[in-house]
Each structure stands twice: as C-alpha cells, then as structure tokens.
PDB file of all heavy atoms in Angstrom:
ATOM      1  N   VAL A   1     -69.416 -58.750 -19.660  1.00  0.00           N
ATOM      2  CA  VAL A   1     -68.143 -58.341 -20.267  1.00  0.00           C
ATOM      3  C   VAL A   1     -68.079 -56.841 -20.528  1.00  0.00           C
ATOM      4  O   VAL A   1     -66.993 -56.305 -20.740  1.00  0.00           O
ATOM      5  CB  VAL A   1     -67.856 -59.121 -21.573  1.00  0.00           C
ATOM      6  CG1 VAL A   1     -67.614 -60.586 -21.265  1.00  0.00           C
ATOM      7  CG2 VAL A   1     -68.983 -58.958 -22.577  1.00  0.00           C
ATOM      8  N   SER A   2     -69.236 -56.165 -20.486  1.00  0.00           N
ATOM      9  CA  SER A   2     -69.223 -54.719 -20.706  1.00  0.00           C
ATOM     10  C   SER A   2     -70.549 -54.131 -20.246  1.00  0.00           C
ATOM     11  O   SER A   2     -71.570 -54.820 -20.222  1.00  0.00           O
ATOM     12  CB  SER A   2     -69.006 -54.406 -22.191  1.00  0.00           C
ATOM     13  OG  SER A   2     -68.887 -53.013 -22.391  1.00  0.00           O
ATOM     14  N   THR A   3     -70.494 -52.872 -19.873  1.00  0.00           N
ATOM     15  CA  THR A   3     -71.712 -52.115 -19.579  1.00  0.00           C
ATOM     16  C   THR A   3     -71.588 -50.765 -20.255  1.00  0.00           C
ATOM     17  O   THR A   3     -70.497 -50.299 -20.560  1.00  0.00           O
ATOM     18  CB  THR A   3     -71.911 -51.903 -18.059  1.00  0.00           C
ATOM     19  OG1 THR A   3     -70.810 -51.166 -17.543  1.00  0.00           O
ATOM     20  CG2 THR A   3     -72.060 -53.228 -17.326  1.00  0.00           C
ATOM     21  N   GLY A   4     -72.695 -50.132 -20.511  1.00  0.00           N
ATOM     22  CA  GLY A   4     -72.691 -48.809 -21.143  1.00  0.00           C
ATOM     23  C   GLY A   4     -73.977 -48.595 -21.896  1.00  0.00           C
ATOM     24  O   GLY A   4     -75.068 -48.842 -21.381  1.00  0.00           O
ATOM     25  N   THR A   5     -73.840 -48.194 -23.158  1.00  0.00           N
ATOM     26  CA  THR A   5     -74.989 -48.026 -24.046  1.00  0.00           C
ATOM     27  C   THR A   5     -74.764 -48.918 -25.255  1.00  0.00           C
ATOM     28  O   THR A   5     -73.640 -49.379 -25.508  1.00  0.00           O
ATOM     29  CB  THR A   5     -75.128 -46.564 -24.520  1.00  0.00           C
ATOM     30  OG1 THR A   5     -73.978 -46.243 -25.320  1.00  0.00           O
ATOM     31  CG2 THR A   5     -75.244 -45.595 -23.347  1.00  0.00           C
ATOM     32  N   LEU A   6     -75.827 -49.137 -26.020  1.00  0.00           N
ATOM     33  CA  LEU A   6     -75.642 -49.925 -27.246  1.00  0.00           C
ATOM     34  C   LEU A   6     -74.645 -49.227 -28.162  1.00  0.00           C
ATOM     35  O   LEU A   6     -73.809 -49.878 -28.795  1.00  0.00           O
ATOM     36  CB  LEU A   6     -76.982 -50.141 -27.948  1.00  0.00           C
ATOM     37  CG  LEU A   6     -77.908 -51.171 -27.306  1.00  0.00           C
ATOM     38  CD1 LEU A   6     -79.260 -51.213 -28.019  1.00  0.00           C
ATOM     39  CD2 LEU A   6     -77.279 -52.549 -27.310  1.00  0.00           C
ATOM     40  N   ALA A   7     -74.675 -47.906 -28.191  1.00  0.00           N
ATOM     41  CA  ALA A   7     -73.738 -47.161 -29.041  1.00  0.00           C
ATOM     42  C   ALA A   7     -72.299 -47.345 -28.566  1.00  0.00           C
ATOM     43  O   ALA A   7     -71.385 -47.538 -29.378  1.00  0.00           O
ATOM     44  CB  ALA A   7     -74.115 -45.679 -29.057  1.00  0.00           C
ATOM     45  N   SER A   8     -72.081 -47.308 -27.254  1.00  0.00           N
ATOM     46  CA  SER A   8     -70.708 -47.459 -26.747  1.00  0.00           C
ATOM     47  C   SER A   8     -70.192 -48.879 -26.960  1.00  0.00           C
ATOM     48  O   SER A   8     -68.979 -49.104 -27.006  1.00  0.00           O
ATOM     49  CB  SER A   8     -70.619 -47.072 -25.269  1.00  0.00           C
ATOM     50  OG  SER A   8     -71.248 -48.036 -24.444  1.00  0.00           O
ATOM     51  N   MET A   9     -71.103 -49.843 -27.086  1.00  0.00           N
ATOM     52  CA  MET A   9     -70.704 -51.226 -27.293  1.00  0.00           C
ATOM     53  C   MET A   9     -70.635 -51.619 -28.764  1.00  0.00           C
ATOM     54  O   MET A   9     -70.313 -52.754 -29.087  1.00  0.00           O
ATOM     55  CB  MET A   9     -71.692 -52.160 -26.582  1.00  0.00           C
ATOM     56  CG  MET A   9     -71.630 -52.076 -25.079  1.00  0.00           C
ATOM     57  SD  MET A   9     -72.751 -53.296 -24.395  1.00  0.00           S
ATOM     58  CE  MET A   9     -73.077 -52.546 -22.821  1.00  0.00           C
ATOM     59  N   LYS A  10     -70.909 -50.657 -29.663  1.00  0.00           N
ATOM     60  CA  LYS A  10     -70.943 -50.961 -31.091  1.00  0.00           C
ATOM     61  C   LYS A  10     -69.686 -51.679 -31.576  1.00  0.00           C
ATOM     62  O   LYS A  10     -69.800 -52.693 -32.287  1.00  0.00           O
ATOM     63  CB  LYS A  10     -71.203 -49.705 -31.911  1.00  0.00           C
ATOM     64  CG  LYS A  10     -71.384 -49.998 -33.388  1.00  0.00           C
ATOM     65  CD  LYS A  10     -71.980 -48.832 -34.107  1.00  0.00           C
ATOM     66  CE  LYS A  10     -72.112 -49.032 -35.600  1.00  0.00           C
ATOM     67  NZ  LYS A  10     -72.013 -50.321 -36.171  1.00  0.00           N
ATOM     68  N   PRO A  11     -68.474 -51.235 -31.214  1.00  0.00           N
ATOM     69  CA  PRO A  11     -67.285 -51.972 -31.693  1.00  0.00           C
ATOM     70  C   PRO A  11     -67.292 -53.442 -31.239  1.00  0.00           C
ATOM     71  O   PRO A  11     -66.936 -54.338 -32.007  1.00  0.00           O
ATOM     72  CB  PRO A  11     -66.120 -51.220 -31.068  1.00  0.00           C
ATOM     73  CG  PRO A  11     -66.646 -49.852 -30.817  1.00  0.00           C
ATOM     74  CD  PRO A  11     -68.098 -50.036 -30.484  1.00  0.00           C
ATOM     75  N   TRP A  12     -67.732 -53.690 -30.038  1.00  0.00           N
ATOM     76  CA  TRP A  12     -67.808 -55.052 -29.524  1.00  0.00           C
ATOM     77  C   TRP A  12     -68.895 -55.826 -30.272  1.00  0.00           C
ATOM     78  O   TRP A  12     -68.690 -56.961 -30.704  1.00  0.00           O
ATOM     79  CB  TRP A  12     -68.102 -54.997 -28.022  1.00  0.00           C
ATOM     80  CG  TRP A  12     -68.068 -56.322 -27.322  1.00  0.00           C
ATOM     81  CD1 TRP A  12     -66.984 -56.940 -26.792  1.00  0.00           C
ATOM     82  CD2 TRP A  12     -69.168 -57.205 -27.111  1.00  0.00           C
ATOM     83  NE1 TRP A  12     -67.332 -58.151 -26.238  1.00  0.00           N
ATOM     84  CE2 TRP A  12     -68.683 -58.338 -26.425  1.00  0.00           C
ATOM     85  CE3 TRP A  12     -70.520 -57.161 -27.413  1.00  0.00           C
ATOM     86  CZ2 TRP A  12     -69.486 -59.405 -26.050  1.00  0.00           C
ATOM     87  CZ3 TRP A  12     -71.334 -58.221 -27.040  1.00  0.00           C
ATOM     88  CH2 TRP A  12     -70.813 -59.326 -26.366  1.00  0.00           C
ATOM     89  N   LEU A  13     -70.066 -55.203 -30.437  1.00  0.00           N
ATOM     90  CA  LEU A  13     -71.188 -55.855 -31.104  1.00  0.00           C
ATOM     91  C   LEU A  13     -70.870 -56.160 -32.568  1.00  0.00           C
ATOM     92  O   LEU A  13     -71.307 -57.174 -33.107  1.00  0.00           O
ATOM     93  CB  LEU A  13     -72.449 -54.994 -30.996  1.00  0.00           C
ATOM     94  CG  LEU A  13     -72.976 -54.763 -29.564  1.00  0.00           C
ATOM     95  CD1 LEU A  13     -74.134 -53.763 -29.579  1.00  0.00           C
ATOM     96  CD2 LEU A  13     -73.391 -56.064 -28.916  1.00  0.00           C
ATOM     97  N   ASP A  14     -70.098 -55.266 -33.215  1.00  0.00           N
ATOM     98  CA  ASP A  14     -69.723 -55.497 -34.612  1.00  0.00           C
ATOM     99  C   ASP A  14     -68.819 -56.721 -34.767  1.00  0.00           C
ATOM    100  O   ASP A  14     -68.770 -57.327 -35.840  1.00  0.00           O
ATOM    101  CB  ASP A  14     -69.010 -54.268 -35.197  1.00  0.00           C
ATOM    102  CG  ASP A  14     -69.960 -53.098 -35.428  1.00  0.00           C
ATOM    103  OD1 ASP A  14     -71.199 -53.305 -35.420  1.00  0.00           O
ATOM    104  OD2 ASP A  14     -69.464 -51.964 -35.600  1.00  0.00           O
ATOM    105  N   GLN A  15     -68.126 -57.090 -33.726  1.00  0.00           N
ATOM    106  CA  GLN A  15     -67.171 -58.203 -33.778  1.00  0.00           C
ATOM    107  C   GLN A  15     -67.794 -59.545 -33.397  1.00  0.00           C
ATOM    108  O   GLN A  15     -67.205 -60.585 -33.665  1.00  0.00           O
ATOM    109  CB  GLN A  15     -65.994 -57.924 -32.823  1.00  0.00           C
ATOM    110  CG  GLN A  15     -65.176 -56.720 -33.170  1.00  0.00           C
ATOM    111  CD  GLN A  15     -64.399 -56.930 -34.469  1.00  0.00           C
ATOM    112  OE1 GLN A  15     -63.838 -57.996 -34.688  1.00  0.00           O
ATOM    113  NE2 GLN A  15     -64.389 -55.927 -35.313  1.00  0.00           N
ATOM    114  N   HIS A  16     -68.946 -59.527 -32.730  1.00  0.00           N
ATOM    115  CA  HIS A  16     -69.519 -60.763 -32.197  1.00  0.00           C
ATOM    116  C   HIS A  16     -70.984 -60.899 -32.580  1.00  0.00           C
ATOM    117  O   HIS A  16     -71.740 -59.916 -32.593  1.00  0.00           O
ATOM    118  CB  HIS A  16     -69.406 -60.778 -30.667  1.00  0.00           C
ATOM    119  CG  HIS A  16     -68.001 -60.699 -30.168  1.00  0.00           C
ATOM    120  ND1 HIS A  16     -67.186 -61.791 -30.102  1.00  0.00           N
ATOM    121  CD2 HIS A  16     -67.265 -59.638 -29.735  1.00  0.00           C
ATOM    122  CE1 HIS A  16     -65.998 -61.425 -29.632  1.00  0.00           C
ATOM    123  NE2 HIS A  16     -66.027 -60.123 -29.412  1.00  0.00           N
ATOM    124  N   GLU A  17     -71.369 -62.136 -32.844  1.00  0.00           N
ATOM    125  CA  GLU A  17     -72.781 -62.414 -33.043  1.00  0.00           C
ATOM    126  C   GLU A  17     -73.495 -62.121 -31.729  1.00  0.00           C
ATOM    127  O   GLU A  17     -72.991 -62.460 -30.656  1.00  0.00           O
ATOM    128  CB  GLU A  17     -72.945 -63.889 -33.427  1.00  0.00           C
ATOM    129  CG  GLU A  17     -74.342 -64.238 -33.829  1.00  0.00           C
ATOM    130  CD  GLU A  17     -74.442 -65.691 -34.292  1.00  0.00           C
ATOM    131  OE1 GLU A  17     -73.564 -66.152 -35.037  1.00  0.00           O
ATOM    132  OE2 GLU A  17     -75.410 -66.344 -33.865  1.00  0.00           O
ATOM    133  N   HIS A  18     -74.658 -61.493 -31.782  1.00  0.00           N
ATOM    134  CA  HIS A  18     -75.325 -61.110 -30.540  1.00  0.00           C
ATOM    135  C   HIS A  18     -76.837 -61.034 -30.727  1.00  0.00           C
ATOM    136  O   HIS A  18     -77.333 -60.992 -31.853  1.00  0.00           O
ATOM    137  CB  HIS A  18     -74.799 -59.757 -30.032  1.00  0.00           C
ATOM    138  CG  HIS A  18     -75.079 -58.629 -30.960  1.00  0.00           C
ATOM    139  ND1 HIS A  18     -74.264 -58.348 -32.035  1.00  0.00           N
ATOM    140  CD2 HIS A  18     -76.097 -57.731 -31.003  1.00  0.00           C
ATOM    141  CE1 HIS A  18     -74.760 -57.318 -32.690  1.00  0.00           C
ATOM    142  NE2 HIS A  18     -75.873 -56.927 -32.086  1.00  0.00           N
ATOM    143  N   VAL A  19     -77.521 -61.015 -29.614  1.00  0.00           N
ATOM    144  CA  VAL A  19     -78.971 -60.839 -29.562  1.00  0.00           C
ATOM    145  C   VAL A  19     -79.238 -59.746 -28.548  1.00  0.00           C
ATOM    146  O   VAL A  19     -78.683 -59.756 -27.451  1.00  0.00           O
ATOM    147  CB  VAL A  19     -79.669 -62.146 -29.121  1.00  0.00           C
ATOM    148  CG1 VAL A  19     -81.166 -61.917 -28.910  1.00  0.00           C
ATOM    149  CG2 VAL A  19     -79.408 -63.268 -30.103  1.00  0.00           C
ATOM    150  N   VAL A  20     -80.080 -58.791 -28.881  1.00  0.00           N
ATOM    151  CA  VAL A  20     -80.470 -57.750 -27.922  1.00  0.00           C
ATOM    152  C   VAL A  20     -81.733 -58.260 -27.218  1.00  0.00           C
ATOM    153  O   VAL A  20     -82.777 -58.445 -27.832  1.00  0.00           O
ATOM    154  CB  VAL A  20     -80.729 -56.396 -28.619  1.00  0.00           C
ATOM    155  CG1 VAL A  20     -81.234 -55.376 -27.606  1.00  0.00           C
ATOM    156  CG2 VAL A  20     -79.463 -55.904 -29.308  1.00  0.00           C
ATOM    157  N   ASP A  21     -81.590 -58.489 -25.918  1.00  0.00           N
ATOM    158  CA  ASP A  21     -82.685 -58.994 -25.079  1.00  0.00           C
ATOM    159  C   ASP A  21     -83.199 -57.813 -24.258  1.00  0.00           C
ATOM    160  O   ASP A  21     -82.477 -57.251 -23.442  1.00  0.00           O
ATOM    161  CB  ASP A  21     -82.139 -60.094 -24.159  1.00  0.00           C
ATOM    162  CG  ASP A  21     -83.196 -60.675 -23.229  1.00  0.00           C
ATOM    163  OD1 ASP A  21     -84.286 -60.068 -23.077  1.00  0.00           O
ATOM    164  OD2 ASP A  21     -82.914 -61.724 -22.631  1.00  0.00           O
ATOM    165  N   ARG A  22     -84.431 -57.423 -24.470  1.00  0.00           N
ATOM    166  CA  ARG A  22     -84.998 -56.257 -23.790  1.00  0.00           C
ATOM    167  C   ARG A  22     -85.857 -56.651 -22.574  1.00  0.00           C
ATOM    168  O   ARG A  22     -86.635 -55.842 -22.073  1.00  0.00           O
ATOM    169  CB  ARG A  22     -85.796 -55.419 -24.781  1.00  0.00           C
ATOM    170  CG  ARG A  22     -84.917 -54.868 -25.900  1.00  0.00           C
ATOM    171  CD  ARG A  22     -85.678 -53.869 -26.767  1.00  0.00           C
ATOM    172  NE  ARG A  22     -84.852 -53.384 -27.845  1.00  0.00           N
ATOM    173  CZ  ARG A  22     -83.960 -52.405 -27.757  1.00  0.00           C
ATOM    174  NH1 ARG A  22     -83.763 -51.802 -26.609  1.00  0.00           N
ATOM    175  NH2 ARG A  22     -83.264 -52.032 -28.813  1.00  0.00           N
ATOM    176  N   THR A  23     -85.664 -57.856 -22.077  1.00  0.00           N
ATOM    177  CA  THR A  23     -86.458 -58.351 -20.949  1.00  0.00           C
ATOM    178  C   THR A  23     -86.368 -57.424 -19.742  1.00  0.00           C
ATOM    179  O   THR A  23     -87.353 -57.202 -19.038  1.00  0.00           O
ATOM    180  CB  THR A  23     -85.976 -59.759 -20.532  1.00  0.00           C
ATOM    181  OG1 THR A  23     -86.014 -60.606 -21.669  1.00  0.00           O
ATOM    182  CG2 THR A  23     -86.836 -60.334 -19.426  1.00  0.00           C
ATOM    183  N   LEU A  24     -85.208 -56.886 -19.483  1.00  0.00           N
ATOM    184  CA  LEU A  24     -85.012 -56.052 -18.286  1.00  0.00           C
ATOM    185  C   LEU A  24     -85.032 -54.555 -18.606  1.00  0.00           C
ATOM    186  O   LEU A  24     -84.695 -53.739 -17.753  1.00  0.00           O
ATOM    187  CB  LEU A  24     -83.694 -56.441 -17.605  1.00  0.00           C
ATOM    188  CG  LEU A  24     -83.636 -57.894 -17.122  1.00  0.00           C
ATOM    189  CD1 LEU A  24     -82.251 -58.227 -16.587  1.00  0.00           C
ATOM    190  CD2 LEU A  24     -84.693 -58.164 -16.074  1.00  0.00           C
ATOM    191  N   GLU A  25     -85.447 -54.195 -19.783  1.00  0.00           N
ATOM    192  CA  GLU A  25     -85.517 -52.779 -20.155  1.00  0.00           C
ATOM    193  C   GLU A  25     -86.425 -52.028 -19.198  1.00  0.00           C
ATOM    194  O   GLU A  25     -87.504 -52.493 -18.823  1.00  0.00           O
ATOM    195  CB  GLU A  25     -86.042 -52.646 -21.592  1.00  0.00           C
ATOM    196  CG  GLU A  25     -85.971 -51.232 -22.124  1.00  0.00           C
ATOM    197  CD  GLU A  25     -86.271 -51.181 -23.622  1.00  0.00           C
ATOM    198  OE1 GLU A  25     -87.092 -51.985 -24.110  1.00  0.00           O
ATOM    199  OE2 GLU A  25     -85.673 -50.337 -24.297  1.00  0.00           O
ATOM    200  N   GLY A  26     -85.955 -50.877 -18.708  1.00  0.00           N
ATOM    201  CA  GLY A  26     -86.722 -50.082 -17.760  1.00  0.00           C
ATOM    202  C   GLY A  26     -86.606 -50.551 -16.321  1.00  0.00           C
ATOM    203  O   GLY A  26     -87.227 -49.981 -15.433  1.00  0.00           O
ATOM    204  N   LYS A  27     -85.828 -51.572 -16.085  1.00  0.00           N
ATOM    205  CA  LYS A  27     -85.640 -52.113 -14.736  1.00  0.00           C
ATOM    206  C   LYS A  27     -84.274 -51.682 -14.194  1.00  0.00           C
ATOM    207  O   LYS A  27     -83.412 -51.222 -14.929  1.00  0.00           O
ATOM    208  CB  LYS A  27     -85.695 -53.645 -14.758  1.00  0.00           C
ATOM    209  CG  LYS A  27     -86.921 -54.217 -15.415  1.00  0.00           C
ATOM    210  CD  LYS A  27     -87.999 -54.463 -14.422  1.00  0.00           C
ATOM    211  CE  LYS A  27     -89.102 -55.275 -15.067  1.00  0.00           C
ATOM    212  NZ  LYS A  27     -90.369 -54.715 -15.037  1.00  0.00           N
ATOM    213  N   VAL A  28     -84.090 -51.854 -12.914  1.00  0.00           N
ATOM    214  CA  VAL A  28     -82.811 -51.571 -12.274  1.00  0.00           C
ATOM    215  C   VAL A  28     -82.152 -52.906 -11.978  1.00  0.00           C
ATOM    216  O   VAL A  28     -82.769 -53.794 -11.391  1.00  0.00           O
ATOM    217  CB  VAL A  28     -82.985 -50.761 -10.971  1.00  0.00           C
ATOM    218  CG1 VAL A  28     -81.660 -50.606 -10.239  1.00  0.00           C
ATOM    219  CG2 VAL A  28     -83.596 -49.400 -11.268  1.00  0.00           C
ATOM    220  N   ILE A  29     -80.902 -53.040 -12.372  1.00  0.00           N
ATOM    221  CA  ILE A  29     -80.141 -54.256 -12.109  1.00  0.00           C
ATOM    222  C   ILE A  29     -79.011 -53.885 -11.151  1.00  0.00           C
ATOM    223  O   ILE A  29     -78.274 -52.933 -11.379  1.00  0.00           O
ATOM    224  CB  ILE A  29     -79.521 -54.819 -13.403  1.00  0.00           C
ATOM    225  CG1 ILE A  29     -80.604 -55.118 -14.434  1.00  0.00           C
ATOM    226  CG2 ILE A  29     -78.702 -56.070 -13.103  1.00  0.00           C
ATOM    227  CD1 ILE A  29     -80.038 -55.482 -15.800  1.00  0.00           C
ATOM    228  N   LEU A  30     -78.905 -54.626 -10.067  1.00  0.00           N
ATOM    229  CA  LEU A  30     -77.795 -54.443  -9.132  1.00  0.00           C
ATOM    230  C   LEU A  30     -76.867 -55.637  -9.253  1.00  0.00           C
ATOM    231  O   LEU A  30     -77.328 -56.774  -9.327  1.00  0.00           O
ATOM    232  CB  LEU A  30     -78.301 -54.346  -7.694  1.00  0.00           C
ATOM    233  CG  LEU A  30     -79.098 -53.106  -7.348  1.00  0.00           C
ATOM    234  CD1 LEU A  30     -79.666 -53.234  -5.936  1.00  0.00           C
ATOM    235  CD2 LEU A  30     -78.204 -51.895  -7.421  1.00  0.00           C
ATOM    236  N   PRO A  31     -75.577 -55.407  -9.244  1.00  0.00           N
ATOM    237  CA  PRO A  31     -74.662 -56.542  -9.321  1.00  0.00           C
ATOM    238  C   PRO A  31     -74.700 -57.339  -8.021  1.00  0.00           C
ATOM    239  O   PRO A  31     -74.924 -56.796  -6.949  1.00  0.00           O
ATOM    240  CB  PRO A  31     -73.287 -55.880  -9.513  1.00  0.00           C
ATOM    241  CG  PRO A  31     -73.444 -54.521  -8.921  1.00  0.00           C
ATOM    242  CD  PRO A  31     -74.883 -54.132  -9.156  1.00  0.00           C
TER     243      PRO A  31
END
C-alpha cells in the first residue's frame, strides 16, 4: 500500500496497528 521510509509512512502508521518486520532489511526487493 506504500513505499518510502518509516518517517514518510508515519501518518499511515499512526492510523493503523502495525508490526515492523526487518526480515528483508539490507536486501533488494524487486516487484
């Protein structure tokens, strides 16, 4: 539903319950 940074998603994150999953941190994801 969105891409960017955690800071850019703050308004969205403030509105919804969420979990930060760092499984792919440091990896490249291609759509």
